[in-house]
Amino acid sequence: MKKSDQLEPQENLSGMVLLQQIVDGDRPHPSIADVINMRFEVIEKGRVVFSAVADERHVNPMDGTHGGFCATLLDSVTGCAVHSMLEAGVAFGTIELSVKMMRPVPRGKRLIAEGKLINISRSLGVSEGTVRDEDNKLYAHGTSTCMLIRSSN
């Protein structure tokens, strides 16, 4: 039996517990992490950190790293910052994502994406994120608004 076959259903877990299970390797990471080549590093209430490395899979027609690479990283860390605050039975969906690219993203360089909660209410979570290299050089900044989806149970 696979480890994931013994896990509590996601809807029974708080966002923090679910995300921590992914970090600990007790639950499979989402498949988008393979596409973007990102790894969960830190999960705290209202704050998450991922690392990622752009490679030849992320190239645009001009042979640069596609802007969607950072947009996806920012959507992931800002969404997970909100998710870390949610109680069991509450889901979320991104309803607005704003991304500002600061400079071209290099391939083969480890980048650090950090998301932080700005505000959470009964129906919305707002967060911001950055993508930096290990020298703290800023590559992208973004903000996100997430709709909170409460089950009708």
N, C-alpha and C. Protein backbone atom coordinates (compact mmCIF):
# COMPACT_ATOMS: atom_id res chain seq x y z
N MET A 1 0.85 -1.18 0.00
CA MET A 1 0.00 0.00 0.00
C MET A 1 0.89 1.24 0.00
N LYS A 2 0.58 2.20 -0.86
CA LYS A 2 1.33 3.45 -0.91
C LYS A 2 1.02 4.28 0.33
N LYS A 3 1.99 5.09 0.72
CA LYS A 3 1.81 5.97 1.87
C LYS A 3 0.58 6.85 1.70
N SER A 4 0.37 7.37 0.47
CA SER A 4 -0.75 8.28 0.22
C SER A 4 -2.10 7.60 0.35
N ASP A 5 -2.15 6.25 0.24
CA ASP A 5 -3.42 5.54 0.39
C ASP A 5 -3.91 5.56 1.84
N GLN A 6 -3.03 5.83 2.78
CA GLN A 6 -3.37 5.81 4.20
C GLN A 6 -3.65 7.21 4.75
N LEU A 7 -3.59 8.21 3.90
CA LEU A 7 -3.72 9.58 4.35
C LEU A 7 -5.16 10.00 4.58
N GLU A 8 -5.33 10.91 5.51
CA GLU A 8 -6.62 11.54 5.76
C GLU A 8 -7.04 12.30 4.50
N PRO A 9 -8.31 12.25 4.13
CA PRO A 9 -8.76 13.03 2.96
C PRO A 9 -8.45 14.52 3.15
N GLN A 10 -8.08 15.17 2.06
CA GLN A 10 -7.68 16.58 2.11
C GLN A 10 -8.73 17.47 2.75
N GLU A 11 -10.00 17.21 2.46
CA GLU A 11 -11.06 18.09 2.98
C GLU A 11 -11.19 18.03 4.50
N ASN A 12 -10.56 17.03 5.13
CA ASN A 12 -10.60 16.91 6.60
C ASN A 12 -9.42 17.59 7.28
N LEU A 13 -8.53 18.19 6.50
CA LEU A 13 -7.31 18.77 7.05
C LEU A 13 -7.28 20.28 6.90
N SER A 14 -6.67 20.94 7.86
CA SER A 14 -6.43 22.38 7.69
C SER A 14 -5.40 22.55 6.59
N GLY A 15 -5.35 23.75 6.02
CA GLY A 15 -4.36 24.02 4.99
C GLY A 15 -2.94 23.83 5.49
N MET A 16 -2.68 24.25 6.71
CA MET A 16 -1.34 24.13 7.29
C MET A 16 -0.91 22.67 7.39
N VAL A 17 -1.80 21.82 7.88
CA VAL A 17 -1.47 20.40 8.02
C VAL A 17 -1.23 19.76 6.65
N LEU A 18 -2.09 20.05 5.70
CA LEU A 18 -1.94 19.49 4.35
C LEU A 18 -0.60 19.91 3.73
N LEU A 19 -0.28 21.20 3.79
CA LEU A 19 0.98 21.69 3.22
C LEU A 19 2.18 21.10 3.94
N GLN A 20 2.11 20.97 5.26
CA GLN A 20 3.23 20.38 6.01
C GLN A 20 3.44 18.92 5.64
N GLN A 21 2.36 18.20 5.37
CA GLN A 21 2.50 16.81 4.92
C GLN A 21 3.25 16.74 3.59
N ILE A 22 3.02 17.70 2.72
CA ILE A 22 3.74 17.74 1.44
C ILE A 22 5.22 18.01 1.69
N VAL A 23 5.52 19.00 2.52
CA VAL A 23 6.92 19.33 2.84
C VAL A 23 7.62 18.12 3.45
N ASP A 24 6.94 17.42 4.35
CA ASP A 24 7.54 16.28 5.04
C ASP A 24 7.64 15.04 4.16
N GLY A 25 7.04 15.08 2.98
CA GLY A 25 7.07 13.91 2.09
C GLY A 25 6.03 12.87 2.43
N ASP A 26 5.09 13.20 3.32
CA ASP A 26 4.04 12.26 3.69
C ASP A 26 2.87 12.28 2.71
N ARG A 27 2.82 13.29 1.87
CA ARG A 27 1.77 13.43 0.86
C ARG A 27 2.49 13.84 -0.43
N PRO A 28 2.07 13.31 -1.57
CA PRO A 28 2.74 13.68 -2.82
C PRO A 28 2.62 15.17 -3.11
N HIS A 29 3.68 15.73 -3.68
CA HIS A 29 3.61 17.14 -4.05
C HIS A 29 2.73 17.28 -5.29
N PRO A 30 2.15 18.46 -5.49
CA PRO A 30 1.30 18.66 -6.67
C PRO A 30 2.13 18.52 -7.95
N SER A 31 1.54 18.00 -8.99
CA SER A 31 2.28 17.74 -10.24
C SER A 31 2.80 19.01 -10.90
N ILE A 32 2.20 20.18 -10.63
CA ILE A 32 2.73 21.43 -11.18
C ILE A 32 4.15 21.66 -10.69
N ALA A 33 4.50 21.12 -9.54
CA ALA A 33 5.86 21.28 -9.02
C ALA A 33 6.88 20.62 -9.94
N ASP A 34 6.49 19.55 -10.63
CA ASP A 34 7.38 18.91 -11.59
C ASP A 34 7.53 19.76 -12.85
N VAL A 35 6.43 20.35 -13.29
CA VAL A 35 6.44 21.17 -14.51
C VAL A 35 7.32 22.40 -14.32
N ILE A 36 7.19 23.05 -13.18
CA ILE A 36 7.93 24.28 -12.91
C ILE A 36 9.27 23.99 -12.21
N ASN A 37 9.49 22.76 -11.81
CA ASN A 37 10.75 22.39 -11.15
C ASN A 37 10.90 23.15 -9.83
N MET A 38 9.80 23.15 -9.05
CA MET A 38 9.83 23.85 -7.77
C MET A 38 9.66 22.87 -6.62
N ARG A 39 10.22 23.24 -5.49
CA ARG A 39 10.16 22.42 -4.29
C ARG A 39 9.72 23.26 -3.10
N PHE A 40 8.87 22.67 -2.28
CA PHE A 40 8.43 23.32 -1.05
C PHE A 40 9.64 23.35 -0.11
N GLU A 41 9.91 24.50 0.48
CA GLU A 41 11.03 24.63 1.42
C GLU A 41 10.54 24.91 2.84
N VAL A 42 9.71 25.96 2.99
CA VAL A 42 9.23 26.39 4.31
C VAL A 42 7.73 26.61 4.24
N ILE A 43 7.02 26.09 5.24
CA ILE A 43 5.59 26.35 5.38
C ILE A 43 5.36 26.84 6.80
N GLU A 44 4.85 28.05 6.91
CA GLU A 44 4.47 28.62 8.20
C GLU A 44 3.09 29.23 8.03
N LYS A 45 2.44 29.53 9.13
CA LYS A 45 1.14 30.20 9.04
C LYS A 45 1.33 31.55 8.35
N GLY A 46 0.72 31.70 7.18
CA GLY A 46 0.77 32.96 6.46
C GLY A 46 2.03 33.22 5.66
N ARG A 47 2.94 32.25 5.58
CA ARG A 47 4.21 32.43 4.85
C ARG A 47 4.70 31.10 4.30
N VAL A 48 5.10 31.12 3.04
CA VAL A 48 5.67 29.92 2.42
C VAL A 48 6.89 30.33 1.59
N VAL A 49 7.80 29.38 1.43
CA VAL A 49 8.99 29.57 0.61
C VAL A 49 9.16 28.34 -0.26
N PHE A 50 9.32 28.56 -1.56
CA PHE A 50 9.62 27.50 -2.51
C PHE A 50 10.95 27.83 -3.18
N SER A 51 11.62 26.81 -3.68
CA SER A 51 12.77 27.04 -4.55
C SER A 51 12.42 26.49 -5.93
N ALA A 52 13.07 27.05 -6.95
CA ALA A 52 12.79 26.62 -8.32
C ALA A 52 14.00 26.94 -9.20
N VAL A 53 14.12 26.15 -10.27
CA VAL A 53 15.19 26.37 -11.24
C VAL A 53 14.57 26.30 -12.63
N ALA A 54 14.65 27.40 -13.38
CA ALA A 54 14.17 27.39 -14.76
C ALA A 54 15.15 26.59 -15.62
N ASP A 55 14.63 25.86 -16.59
CA ASP A 55 15.48 25.08 -17.49
C ASP A 55 14.94 25.17 -18.91
N GLU A 56 15.43 24.33 -19.79
CA GLU A 56 15.05 24.39 -21.21
C GLU A 56 13.56 24.16 -21.45
N ARG A 57 12.83 23.60 -20.50
CA ARG A 57 11.39 23.40 -20.63
C ARG A 57 10.62 24.71 -20.50
N HIS A 58 11.26 25.75 -20.02
CA HIS A 58 10.58 27.01 -19.70
C HIS A 58 10.95 28.14 -20.65
N VAL A 59 11.44 27.81 -21.83
CA VAL A 59 11.93 28.80 -22.79
C VAL A 59 10.81 29.32 -23.68
N ASN A 60 10.86 30.64 -23.93
CA ASN A 60 9.90 31.27 -24.86
C ASN A 60 10.51 31.33 -26.27
N PRO A 61 9.78 31.81 -27.27
CA PRO A 61 10.32 31.84 -28.64
C PRO A 61 11.57 32.70 -28.82
N MET A 62 11.86 33.60 -27.88
CA MET A 62 13.06 34.44 -27.98
C MET A 62 14.25 33.82 -27.23
N ASP A 63 14.10 32.56 -26.80
CA ASP A 63 15.13 31.81 -26.07
C ASP A 63 15.38 32.35 -24.66
N GLY A 64 14.39 33.07 -24.12
CA GLY A 64 14.46 33.51 -22.72
C GLY A 64 13.50 32.67 -21.90
N THR A 65 13.59 32.81 -20.59
CA THR A 65 12.65 32.10 -19.72
C THR A 65 11.28 32.76 -19.84
N HIS A 66 10.27 31.97 -20.10
CA HIS A 66 8.90 32.44 -20.27
C HIS A 66 8.42 33.10 -18.98
N GLY A 67 7.69 34.21 -19.11
CA GLY A 67 7.15 34.92 -17.95
C GLY A 67 6.20 34.06 -17.13
N GLY A 68 5.60 33.06 -17.77
CA GLY A 68 4.72 32.15 -17.04
C GLY A 68 5.42 31.35 -15.97
N PHE A 69 6.73 31.23 -16.08
CA PHE A 69 7.50 30.53 -15.05
C PHE A 69 7.36 31.27 -13.72
N CYS A 70 7.67 32.57 -13.71
CA CYS A 70 7.54 33.36 -12.47
C CYS A 70 6.08 33.55 -12.08
N ALA A 71 5.20 33.69 -13.07
CA ALA A 71 3.78 33.85 -12.76
C ALA A 71 3.25 32.62 -12.03
N THR A 72 3.67 31.45 -12.48
CA THR A 72 3.23 30.21 -11.82
C THR A 72 3.84 30.09 -10.43
N LEU A 73 5.11 30.43 -10.30
CA LEU A 73 5.74 30.43 -8.97
C LEU A 73 4.99 31.36 -8.02
N LEU A 74 4.70 32.58 -8.50
CA LEU A 74 4.02 33.54 -7.64
C LEU A 74 2.59 33.12 -7.32
N ASP A 75 1.89 32.54 -8.28
CA ASP A 75 0.54 32.04 -8.01
C ASP A 75 0.61 30.94 -6.95
N SER A 76 1.63 30.12 -7.02
CA SER A 76 1.78 29.01 -6.06
C SER A 76 2.08 29.51 -4.65
N VAL A 77 3.07 30.40 -4.51
CA VAL A 77 3.43 30.83 -3.15
C VAL A 77 2.40 31.76 -2.54
N THR A 78 1.77 32.61 -3.35
CA THR A 78 0.73 33.48 -2.78
C THR A 78 -0.50 32.67 -2.40
N GLY A 79 -0.86 31.69 -3.23
CA GLY A 79 -1.99 30.83 -2.91
C GLY A 79 -1.73 29.98 -1.68
N CYS A 80 -0.53 29.43 -1.58
CA CYS A 80 -0.21 28.59 -0.42
C CYS A 80 -0.11 29.41 0.87
N ALA A 81 0.30 30.68 0.77
CA ALA A 81 0.30 31.54 1.96
C ALA A 81 -1.11 31.69 2.50
N VAL A 82 -2.08 31.85 1.60
CA VAL A 82 -3.49 31.90 2.01
C VAL A 82 -3.93 30.54 2.52
N HIS A 83 -3.60 29.48 1.77
CA HIS A 83 -4.02 28.12 2.13
C HIS A 83 -3.55 27.75 3.53
N SER A 84 -2.36 28.20 3.92
CA SER A 84 -1.81 27.85 5.23
C SER A 84 -2.67 28.37 6.39
N MET A 85 -3.54 29.30 6.11
CA MET A 85 -4.38 29.90 7.15
C MET A 85 -5.78 29.30 7.23
N LEU A 86 -6.11 28.40 6.30
CA LEU A 86 -7.49 27.91 6.20
C LEU A 86 -7.73 26.71 7.09
N GLU A 87 -8.91 26.69 7.70
CA GLU A 87 -9.31 25.55 8.50
C GLU A 87 -9.81 24.43 7.59
N ALA A 88 -9.95 23.25 8.16
CA ALA A 88 -10.45 22.10 7.39
C ALA A 88 -11.80 22.43 6.77
N GLY A 89 -12.01 21.97 5.57
CA GLY A 89 -13.27 22.17 4.88
C GLY A 89 -13.37 23.46 4.09
N VAL A 90 -12.31 24.28 4.11
CA VAL A 90 -12.30 25.52 3.35
C VAL A 90 -11.26 25.41 2.24
N ALA A 91 -11.68 25.68 1.02
CA ALA A 91 -10.79 25.67 -0.13
C ALA A 91 -10.62 27.10 -0.62
N PHE A 92 -9.82 27.29 -1.66
CA PHE A 92 -9.64 28.63 -2.21
C PHE A 92 -9.40 28.53 -3.71
N GLY A 93 -9.60 29.64 -4.38
CA GLY A 93 -9.27 29.75 -5.79
C GLY A 93 -8.75 31.16 -6.06
N THR A 94 -7.70 31.25 -6.86
CA THR A 94 -7.17 32.56 -7.22
C THR A 94 -8.15 33.26 -8.14
N ILE A 95 -8.54 34.47 -7.78
CA ILE A 95 -9.44 35.24 -8.66
C ILE A 95 -8.72 36.42 -9.31
N GLU A 96 -7.54 36.76 -8.80
CA GLU A 96 -6.75 37.83 -9.42
C GLU A 96 -5.30 37.61 -9.08
N LEU A 97 -4.44 37.71 -10.10
CA LEU A 97 -3.00 37.60 -9.91
C LEU A 97 -2.35 38.71 -10.72
N SER A 98 -1.55 39.52 -10.06
CA SER A 98 -0.81 40.60 -10.73
C SER A 98 0.67 40.31 -10.59
N VAL A 99 1.38 40.29 -11.72
CA VAL A 99 2.81 39.96 -11.72
C VAL A 99 3.59 41.09 -12.38
N LYS A 100 4.65 41.50 -11.73
CA LYS A 100 5.58 42.49 -12.28
C LYS A 100 6.94 41.82 -12.44
N MET A 101 7.40 41.73 -13.68
CA MET A 101 8.72 41.17 -13.96
C MET A 101 9.75 42.29 -13.82
N MET A 102 10.82 42.05 -13.09
CA MET A 102 11.84 43.06 -12.86
C MET A 102 13.06 42.90 -13.77
N ARG A 103 13.37 41.66 -14.14
CA ARG A 103 14.52 41.39 -14.99
C ARG A 103 14.38 40.00 -15.58
N PRO A 104 15.11 39.69 -16.63
CA PRO A 104 15.03 38.34 -17.22
C PRO A 104 15.42 37.26 -16.20
N VAL A 105 14.72 36.16 -16.27
CA VAL A 105 14.98 35.04 -15.35
C VAL A 105 16.01 34.10 -15.97
N PRO A 106 17.12 33.88 -15.27
CA PRO A 106 18.15 32.99 -15.82
C PRO A 106 17.75 31.52 -15.73
N ARG A 107 18.28 30.73 -16.63
CA ARG A 107 18.10 29.28 -16.55
C ARG A 107 19.26 28.71 -15.74
N GLY A 108 18.97 27.63 -15.01
CA GLY A 108 19.99 26.94 -14.26
C GLY A 108 20.39 27.58 -12.94
N LYS A 109 19.69 28.61 -12.52
CA LYS A 109 20.01 29.30 -11.27
C LYS A 109 18.89 29.06 -10.26
N ARG A 110 19.25 28.70 -9.04
CA ARG A 110 18.26 28.47 -7.99
C ARG A 110 17.62 29.80 -7.61
N LEU A 111 16.29 29.82 -7.66
CA LEU A 111 15.51 30.99 -7.28
C LEU A 111 14.69 30.67 -6.05
N ILE A 112 14.44 31.68 -5.25
CA ILE A 112 13.65 31.53 -4.02
C ILE A 112 12.37 32.35 -4.19
N ALA A 113 11.24 31.69 -4.09
CA ALA A 113 9.93 32.36 -4.17
C ALA A 113 9.32 32.35 -2.77
N GLU A 114 8.92 33.52 -2.31
CA GLU A 114 8.34 33.64 -0.99
C GLU A 114 6.98 34.30 -1.08
N GLY A 115 5.99 33.72 -0.42
CA GLY A 115 4.66 34.28 -0.37
C GLY A 115 4.29 34.63 1.06
N LYS A 116 3.64 35.79 1.25
CA LYS A 116 3.22 36.23 2.58
C LYS A 116 1.78 36.72 2.53
N LEU A 117 1.02 36.33 3.53
CA LEU A 117 -0.35 36.79 3.66
C LEU A 117 -0.36 38.28 4.01
N ILE A 118 -1.24 39.03 3.35
CA ILE A 118 -1.44 40.45 3.68
C ILE A 118 -2.70 40.59 4.55
N ASN A 119 -3.79 39.90 4.13
CA ASN A 119 -5.05 40.00 4.87
C ASN A 119 -5.92 38.80 4.53
N ILE A 120 -6.70 38.40 5.51
CA ILE A 120 -7.67 37.33 5.27
C ILE A 120 -8.97 37.71 5.96
N SER A 121 -10.07 37.48 5.26
CA SER A 121 -11.40 37.72 5.82
C SER A 121 -12.20 36.43 5.66
N ARG A 122 -13.48 36.50 5.88
CA ARG A 122 -14.31 35.30 5.73
C ARG A 122 -14.38 34.84 4.28
N SER A 123 -14.26 35.76 3.33
CA SER A 123 -14.44 35.38 1.93
C SER A 123 -13.24 35.61 1.02
N LEU A 124 -12.24 36.39 1.46
CA LEU A 124 -11.08 36.69 0.62
C LEU A 124 -9.78 36.57 1.38
N GLY A 125 -8.75 36.12 0.67
CA GLY A 125 -7.38 36.15 1.17
C GLY A 125 -6.54 36.94 0.20
N VAL A 126 -5.73 37.86 0.70
CA VAL A 126 -4.86 38.67 -0.14
C VAL A 126 -3.42 38.43 0.31
N SER A 127 -2.55 38.20 -0.67
CA SER A 127 -1.16 37.90 -0.35
C SER A 127 -0.24 38.50 -1.39
N GLU A 128 1.05 38.52 -1.08
CA GLU A 128 2.05 39.02 -2.01
C GLU A 128 3.21 38.05 -2.06
N GLY A 129 3.98 38.13 -3.14
CA GLY A 129 5.11 37.23 -3.28
C GLY A 129 6.24 37.86 -4.05
N THR A 130 7.43 37.29 -3.86
CA THR A 130 8.61 37.71 -4.59
C THR A 130 9.35 36.50 -5.12
N VAL A 131 10.09 36.71 -6.20
CA VAL A 131 11.02 35.71 -6.71
C VAL A 131 12.39 36.37 -6.73
N ARG A 132 13.33 35.81 -5.98
CA ARG A 132 14.68 36.36 -5.84
C ARG A 132 15.70 35.25 -6.05
N ASP A 133 16.94 35.64 -6.31
CA ASP A 133 18.01 34.64 -6.34
C ASP A 133 18.66 34.57 -4.96
N GLU A 134 19.67 33.74 -4.83
CA GLU A 134 20.30 33.56 -3.52
C GLU A 134 21.11 34.77 -3.07
N ASP A 135 21.35 35.73 -3.98
CA ASP A 135 22.00 36.99 -3.63
C ASP A 135 20.97 38.08 -3.33
N ASN A 136 19.71 37.70 -3.25
CA ASN A 136 18.59 38.60 -2.94
C ASN A 136 18.22 39.54 -4.09
N LYS A 137 18.68 39.25 -5.29
CA LYS A 137 18.31 40.06 -6.46
C LYS A 137 16.87 39.73 -6.83
N LEU A 138 16.04 40.76 -7.00
CA LEU A 138 14.61 40.59 -7.27
C LEU A 138 14.36 40.38 -8.76
N TYR A 139 13.64 39.30 -9.10
CA TYR A 139 13.27 38.99 -10.49
C TYR A 139 11.81 39.27 -10.77
N ALA A 140 10.94 39.08 -9.78
CA ALA A 140 9.51 39.31 -9.99
C ALA A 140 8.82 39.56 -8.64
N HIS A 141 7.73 40.32 -8.72
CA HIS A 141 6.89 40.60 -7.54
C HIS A 141 5.45 40.40 -7.97
N GLY A 142 4.62 39.91 -7.07
CA GLY A 142 3.22 39.74 -7.41
C GLY A 142 2.31 39.85 -6.22
N THR A 143 1.04 40.10 -6.52
CA THR A 143 0.00 40.09 -5.50
C THR A 143 -1.13 39.20 -5.99
N SER A 144 -1.86 38.65 -5.05
CA SER A 144 -2.94 37.73 -5.39
C SER A 144 -4.14 37.97 -4.49
N THR A 145 -5.30 37.80 -5.07
CA THR A 145 -6.54 37.78 -4.30
C THR A 145 -7.17 36.41 -4.51
N CYS A 146 -7.48 35.75 -3.41
CA CYS A 146 -8.07 34.41 -3.47
C CYS A 146 -9.46 34.42 -2.85
N MET A 147 -10.38 33.76 -3.52
CA MET A 147 -11.74 33.59 -2.99
C MET A 147 -11.72 32.36 -2.08
N LEU A 148 -12.27 32.49 -0.90
CA LEU A 148 -12.37 31.35 0.01
C LEU A 148 -13.69 30.64 -0.24
N ILE A 149 -13.60 29.33 -0.36
CA ILE A 149 -14.78 28.51 -0.69
C ILE A 149 -15.09 27.63 0.51
N ARG A 150 -16.18 27.95 1.16
CA ARG A 150 -16.58 27.22 2.36
C ARG A 150 -17.62 26.17 1.99
N SER A 151 -17.42 24.97 2.50
CA SER A 151 -18.39 23.90 2.21
C SER A 151 -19.70 24.22 2.90
N SER A 152 -20.77 23.73 2.36
CA SER A 152 -22.10 24.03 2.91
C SER A 152 -22.54 23.02 3.95
N ASN A 153 -21.59 22.25 4.48
CA ASN A 153 -21.94 21.24 5.51
C ASN A 153 -22.35 21.88 6.79
